[in-house]
Amino acid sequence: MAIKEGLRPGGRSARVQESIHSAVRALLQEQERSTVTVPQIAARAGVTPSTIYRRWGDLAALLADVALARMRPDSEPAETGSLRSDIRAWAEQYLDEMSSEPGRNMMRDVQASATPGYCVAIIGAQLQTIIERHPDEAAPSVDQLINQVVAPVVFRILFSAAALEVDELHRLIDIALQHD
């Protein structure tokens, strides 16, 4: 089921949604993901299970919505002085967060969402911010950075037993920043 859009920011629906999201995050910290249920979430959030089913349809859609909300950055990418070091700082933080167990679970939940372009938009906006900070430095496009840096990180996190090493991440960034 697609996640319904168009809630009034700050309205009752937004408060209920935040209460449910908070309940999901708390339960995921307290117990195994596979044991979390809609009735538990509803009880913790102070709503009926039908409220959750009406809004999200099922547990997978709710987990995807919570994961998508967590993908939004809390702040602008770090400003370290150069394009290369800004991209390195951002990519190292992304690798660290996404390769953690909560990050891996979040990525799996996002895969189940009905909004596949959302993550690309968030990551793209962060990379664009970094590029625009350094107008005097030659930079690859956002798409090149996603294809040459982010995609290998995500692939290794989702489909390998081990995430990329930081040295390999730096090598990928260096390749992306090479100018022909």
Protein backbone atom coordinates (compact mmCIF):
# COMPACT_ATOMS: atom_id res chain seq x y z
CA MET A 1 0.00 0.00 0.00
CA ALA A 2 1.31 3.46 -0.85
CA ILE A 3 1.95 5.78 2.04
CA LYS A 4 -0.62 8.56 2.00
CA GLU A 5 0.73 12.06 1.49
CA GLY A 6 -0.71 15.47 2.24
CA LEU A 7 -0.86 15.63 6.02
CA ARG A 8 -1.10 19.09 7.52
CA PRO A 9 2.26 19.92 9.09
CA GLY A 10 1.77 20.30 12.83
CA GLY A 11 -1.86 19.11 12.70
CA ARG A 12 -3.37 16.24 14.64
CA SER A 13 -2.45 13.78 11.89
CA ALA A 14 1.18 14.87 12.06
CA ARG A 15 1.21 14.45 15.85
CA VAL A 16 -0.31 10.97 15.57
CA GLN A 17 2.21 10.04 12.87
CA GLU A 18 5.11 11.25 15.03
CA SER A 19 3.77 9.31 18.01
CA ILE A 20 3.61 6.14 15.91
CA HIS A 21 7.07 6.74 14.42
CA SER A 22 8.48 7.28 17.95
CA ALA A 23 6.86 4.05 19.11
CA VAL A 24 8.41 2.14 16.20
CA ARG A 25 11.88 3.59 16.87
CA ALA A 26 11.64 2.76 20.59
CA LEU A 27 10.44 -0.80 20.00
CA LEU A 28 13.18 -1.41 17.43
CA GLN A 29 15.75 -0.40 20.05
CA GLU A 30 14.22 -2.65 22.71
CA GLN A 31 13.62 -5.87 20.80
CA GLU A 32 14.34 -7.83 17.66
CA ARG A 33 12.83 -6.32 14.54
CA SER A 34 11.10 -9.59 13.68
CA THR A 35 9.14 -9.52 16.95
CA VAL A 36 7.68 -6.01 16.57
CA THR A 37 3.94 -6.06 15.85
CA VAL A 38 1.30 -3.50 14.89
CA PRO A 39 -0.62 -4.01 18.18
CA GLN A 40 2.59 -3.32 20.17
CA ILE A 41 3.23 -0.16 18.17
CA ALA A 42 -0.37 0.99 18.59
CA ALA A 43 -0.29 0.41 22.36
CA ARG A 44 2.99 2.32 22.70
CA ALA A 45 1.71 5.20 20.53
CA GLY A 46 -1.67 5.39 22.26
CA VAL A 47 -3.70 4.65 19.12
CA THR A 48 -5.73 1.70 17.91
CA PRO A 49 -4.20 -0.81 15.48
CA SER A 50 -6.85 0.23 12.95
CA THR A 51 -5.29 3.72 12.88
CA ILE A 52 -2.02 2.18 11.74
CA TYR A 53 -3.63 -0.16 9.22
CA ARG A 54 -5.74 2.69 7.79
CA ARG A 55 -2.70 4.94 7.29
CA TRP A 56 -0.03 2.40 6.27
CA GLY A 57 -1.86 -0.79 5.35
CA ASP A 58 0.66 -3.14 6.94
CA LEU A 59 3.75 -3.32 9.12
CA ALA A 60 6.17 -3.34 6.17
CA ALA A 61 4.80 -0.04 4.86
CA LEU A 62 5.03 1.52 8.33
CA LEU A 63 8.63 0.36 8.78
CA ALA A 64 9.44 1.77 5.33
CA ASP A 65 7.88 5.12 6.25
CA VAL A 66 9.87 5.30 9.49
CA ALA A 67 13.05 4.41 7.60
CA LEU A 68 12.37 7.09 4.97
CA ALA A 69 11.84 9.68 7.70
CA ARG A 70 15.17 8.68 9.28
CA MET A 71 16.93 9.11 5.93
CA ARG A 72 16.34 12.87 6.08
CA PRO A 73 19.58 14.51 7.22
CA ASP A 74 19.63 16.36 10.54
CA SER A 75 22.04 18.97 9.21
CA GLU A 76 23.97 20.16 6.20
CA PRO A 77 27.00 18.09 5.14
CA ALA A 78 30.18 19.03 7.01
CA GLU A 79 32.22 21.85 5.54
CA THR A 80 35.90 20.91 5.75
CA GLY A 81 37.55 23.28 3.30
CA SER A 82 37.74 21.49 -0.05
CA LEU A 83 35.51 19.53 -2.38
CA ARG A 84 37.52 16.33 -1.87
CA SER A 85 37.54 16.54 1.93
CA ASP A 86 33.84 17.50 2.09
CA ILE A 87 32.91 14.50 -0.07
CA ARG A 88 35.17 12.25 1.99
CA ALA A 89 33.64 13.44 5.26
CA TRP A 90 30.11 12.98 3.93
CA ALA A 91 30.86 9.54 2.42
CA GLU A 92 32.61 8.28 5.56
CA GLN A 93 29.63 9.31 7.70
CA TYR A 94 27.21 7.71 5.21
CA LEU A 95 29.25 4.48 5.17
CA ASP A 96 29.44 4.40 8.96
CA GLU A 97 25.72 5.04 9.48
CA MET A 98 24.41 2.77 6.75
CA SER A 99 26.76 -0.16 7.45
CA SER A 100 25.62 -0.36 11.09
CA GLU A 101 22.93 -2.93 11.89
CA PRO A 102 20.24 -0.23 12.27
CA GLY A 103 21.42 1.31 9.00
CA ARG A 104 21.25 -2.01 7.16
CA ASN A 105 17.74 -2.61 8.48
CA MET A 106 16.73 0.89 7.50
CA MET A 107 18.00 0.33 3.95
CA ARG A 108 16.03 -2.91 3.70
CA ASP A 109 12.90 -1.14 4.92
CA VAL A 110 13.39 1.68 2.42
CA GLN A 111 13.57 -0.90 -0.37
CA ALA A 112 10.02 -1.89 0.56
CA SER A 113 8.74 1.68 0.26
CA ALA A 114 6.54 2.99 -2.52
CA THR A 115 8.83 5.98 -3.09
CA PRO A 116 12.06 4.67 -4.63
CA GLY A 117 13.34 8.07 -5.78
CA TYR A 118 13.21 9.56 -2.31
CA CYS A 119 16.67 8.41 -1.23
CA VAL A 120 18.26 9.56 -4.48
CA ALA A 121 16.70 12.98 -3.96
CA ILE A 122 18.01 13.25 -0.39
CA ILE A 123 21.51 12.05 -1.24
CA GLY A 124 21.56 14.13 -4.41
CA ALA A 125 20.65 17.27 -2.49
CA GLN A 126 23.44 16.68 0.02
CA LEU A 127 26.01 16.11 -2.72
CA GLN A 128 24.75 19.16 -4.63
CA THR A 129 25.24 21.26 -1.49
CA ILE A 130 28.84 20.07 -1.27
CA ILE A 131 29.51 20.76 -4.95
CA GLU A 132 27.99 24.26 -4.78
CA ARG A 133 30.24 25.18 -1.84
CA HIS A 134 33.27 24.87 -4.10
CA PRO A 135 32.40 26.70 -7.33
CA ASP A 136 36.07 27.16 -8.24
CA GLU A 137 36.83 23.43 -8.12
CA ALA A 138 36.05 21.13 -11.04
CA ALA A 139 33.46 18.66 -9.84
CA PRO A 140 31.72 15.60 -11.22
CA SER A 141 27.95 15.66 -11.51
CA VAL A 142 25.77 14.48 -8.67
CA ASP A 143 24.81 11.46 -10.80
CA GLN A 144 28.48 10.56 -11.26
CA LEU A 145 29.06 10.70 -7.50
CA ILE A 146 25.99 8.56 -6.86
CA ASN A 147 27.08 6.01 -9.48
CA GLN A 148 30.78 5.93 -8.59
CA VAL A 149 30.72 6.41 -4.81
CA VAL A 150 27.28 5.84 -3.29
CA ALA A 151 26.21 2.86 -5.41
CA PRO A 152 29.23 0.71 -4.49
CA VAL A 153 28.71 1.56 -0.81
CA VAL A 154 25.04 0.55 -0.93
CA PHE A 155 25.76 -2.60 -2.93
CA ARG A 156 28.37 -3.81 -0.45
CA ILE A 157 26.15 -3.01 2.54
CA LEU A 158 23.17 -4.88 1.13
CA PHE A 159 24.83 -7.78 -0.68
CA SER A 160 28.14 -8.47 1.03
CA ALA A 161 29.14 -9.69 4.44
CA ALA A 162 31.47 -6.71 4.82
CA ALA A 163 31.03 -3.04 4.01
CA LEU A 164 33.62 -1.14 2.01
CA GLU A 165 36.80 -0.24 3.84
CA VAL A 166 37.44 3.49 4.22
CA ASP A 167 40.59 3.24 2.05
CA GLU A 168 38.51 1.77 -0.78
CA LEU A 169 35.90 4.49 -0.31
CA HIS A 170 38.64 7.13 -0.63
CA ARG A 171 39.91 5.43 -3.80
CA LEU A 172 36.41 5.56 -5.32
CA ILE A 173 36.14 9.25 -4.45
CA ASP A 174 39.55 9.92 -6.02
CA ILE A 175 38.44 8.17 -9.22
CA ALA A 176 35.18 10.16 -9.29
CA LEU A 177 37.12 13.41 -8.88
CA GLN A 178 39.66 12.69 -11.64
CA HIS A 179 39.45 15.10 -14.52
CA ASP A 180 40.03 13.87 -18.04
